[in-house]
Amino acid sequence: MFFLSHTCASAPYDVALDEALLDYVEQWATARSDDAAEGAQPPEFLRVWEARRPAVVIGRSSSLDGEVDLAECRKRGVDVVRRTSGGAAVVIGPGCLMYSVVLAYRNHPELRAVDLAHR
């Protein structure tokens, strides 16, 4: 597992980096099926970061209108970002430790069940 401690310039970039890591692992597993047959392991990541300023991050299926006061966020210059994973809206900012774990399903097939993944 690779450890990455990196904070981007703003929350939209941080969320985009998490998604890029997820896409990279998925594409690796798809494109390198021959390597996998020979025992090569897909990359996995643990990333930690801290938002440089307050932001609101909403889940993939979250209701923007129901969970976020968008007008107030705009007024205060607070970024609102949608992540690819589920869950409700969260407010992040300096002092909040954020982390992402990207694991390959091939190595952890039990994680396909959301309730098991949460455990």
Protein backbone atom coordinates (compact mmCIF):
# COMPACT_ATOMS: atom_id res chain seq x y z
CA MET A 1 0.00 0.00 0.00
CA PHE A 2 1.23 3.44 -0.91
CA PHE A 3 0.96 6.25 1.65
CA LEU A 4 0.26 9.71 0.27
CA SER A 5 0.17 12.75 2.53
CA HIS A 6 -0.75 15.57 0.19
CA THR A 7 -3.15 18.51 0.37
CA CYS A 8 -4.09 20.25 -2.86
CA ALA A 9 -4.78 23.97 -3.32
CA SER A 10 -8.52 23.59 -2.66
CA ALA A 11 -11.17 21.00 -1.75
CA PRO A 12 -12.33 20.51 -5.36
CA TYR A 13 -8.80 19.43 -6.28
CA ASP A 14 -8.51 17.21 -3.20
CA VAL A 15 -11.76 15.42 -4.05
CA ALA A 16 -10.61 15.13 -7.67
CA LEU A 17 -7.31 13.58 -6.57
CA ASP A 18 -9.17 10.96 -4.52
CA GLU A 19 -11.29 10.12 -7.57
CA ALA A 20 -8.20 9.93 -9.78
CA LEU A 21 -6.58 7.44 -7.38
CA LEU A 22 -9.75 5.33 -7.45
CA ASP A 23 -9.86 5.45 -11.27
CA TYR A 24 -6.17 4.55 -11.48
CA VAL A 25 -6.59 1.41 -9.38
CA GLU A 26 -9.69 0.38 -11.34
CA GLN A 27 -7.98 0.94 -14.70
CA TRP A 28 -4.87 -0.91 -13.53
CA ALA A 29 -6.96 -3.94 -12.64
CA THR A 30 -8.77 -3.84 -15.98
CA ALA A 31 -5.79 -3.17 -18.23
CA ARG A 32 -3.34 -5.52 -16.54
CA SER A 33 -5.33 -8.71 -16.24
CA ASP A 34 -2.37 -10.66 -17.72
CA ASP A 35 -0.05 -9.26 -15.03
CA ALA A 36 -2.61 -10.14 -12.39
CA ALA A 37 -2.65 -13.72 -13.61
CA GLU A 38 1.11 -13.78 -12.99
CA GLY A 39 0.66 -12.59 -9.40
CA ALA A 40 1.16 -8.84 -9.84
CA GLN A 41 -0.77 -6.91 -7.21
CA PRO A 42 -2.79 -3.79 -8.02
CA PRO A 43 -1.70 -0.60 -6.27
CA GLU A 44 -3.58 0.44 -3.15
CA PHE A 45 -3.47 3.83 -1.43
CA LEU A 46 -3.92 5.46 1.94
CA ARG A 47 -4.10 9.23 1.55
CA VAL A 48 -4.40 11.83 4.29
CA TRP A 49 -5.00 15.52 3.81
CA GLU A 50 -6.31 18.63 5.54
CA ALA A 51 -8.49 21.18 3.80
CA ARG A 52 -6.82 24.59 3.59
CA ARG A 53 -10.13 26.41 4.10
CA PRO A 54 -13.75 25.49 4.90
CA ALA A 55 -15.69 23.56 2.27
CA VAL A 56 -18.80 21.41 2.03
CA VAL A 57 -18.44 17.96 0.48
CA ILE A 58 -21.61 16.13 -0.48
CA GLY A 59 -22.12 12.47 -1.32
CA ARG A 60 -22.83 11.01 -4.73
CA SER A 61 -26.60 10.84 -4.21
CA SER A 62 -26.98 13.68 -1.73
CA SER A 63 -29.63 16.29 -2.34
CA LEU A 64 -27.87 19.61 -2.79
CA ASP A 65 -31.05 21.55 -1.99
CA GLY A 66 -31.87 19.39 1.02
CA GLU A 67 -28.44 19.32 2.64
CA VAL A 68 -26.67 22.56 1.74
CA ASP A 69 -27.51 26.24 2.01
CA LEU A 70 -25.94 26.99 -1.36
CA ALA A 71 -26.71 30.71 -1.25
CA GLU A 72 -24.91 31.05 2.10
CA CYS A 73 -21.95 29.02 0.83
CA ARG A 74 -21.67 31.27 -2.22
CA LYS A 75 -21.96 34.40 -0.06
CA ARG A 76 -19.13 33.18 2.18
CA GLY A 77 -16.98 31.82 -0.66
CA VAL A 78 -17.23 28.23 0.60
CA ASP A 79 -16.60 25.58 -2.06
CA VAL A 80 -19.30 22.92 -2.45
CA VAL A 81 -18.00 19.70 -3.97
CA ARG A 82 -19.68 16.39 -4.82
CA ARG A 83 -17.64 13.25 -4.15
CA THR A 84 -18.09 9.94 -5.97
CA SER A 85 -18.73 7.99 -2.77
CA GLY A 86 -21.98 7.99 -0.84
CA GLY A 87 -22.93 9.57 2.44
CA ALA A 88 -24.36 12.86 3.56
CA ALA A 89 -22.85 16.33 3.38
CA VAL A 90 -19.88 17.15 5.61
CA VAL A 91 -18.22 20.43 6.44
CA ILE A 92 -14.43 20.28 6.33
CA GLY A 93 -11.71 22.78 7.04
CA PRO A 94 -8.38 23.39 8.74
CA GLY A 95 -7.95 21.02 11.67
CA CYS A 96 -10.08 18.24 10.13
CA LEU A 97 -8.06 15.18 9.18
CA MET A 98 -9.39 13.74 5.93
CA TYR A 99 -8.41 10.32 4.66
CA SER A 100 -9.07 8.11 1.69
CA VAL A 101 -8.41 4.40 1.38
CA VAL A 102 -8.37 2.94 -2.12
CA LEU A 103 -8.34 -0.85 -2.17
CA ALA A 104 -8.59 -3.23 -5.11
CA TYR A 105 -11.67 -5.46 -5.17
CA ARG A 106 -9.49 -8.28 -6.47
CA ASN A 107 -7.60 -8.31 -3.16
CA HIS A 108 -10.65 -7.57 -1.01
CA PRO A 109 -13.78 -9.05 -2.65
CA GLU A 110 -15.71 -8.78 0.62
CA LEU A 111 -15.70 -4.99 0.22
CA ARG A 112 -18.26 -5.20 -2.58
CA ALA A 113 -20.92 -5.44 0.15
CA VAL A 114 -21.25 -1.93 1.60
CA ASP A 115 -22.21 -3.11 5.09
CA LEU A 116 -19.05 -5.27 5.27
CA ALA A 117 -16.90 -2.44 3.92
CA HIS A 118 -18.13 -0.15 6.70
CA ARG A 119 -17.11 -2.69 9.32
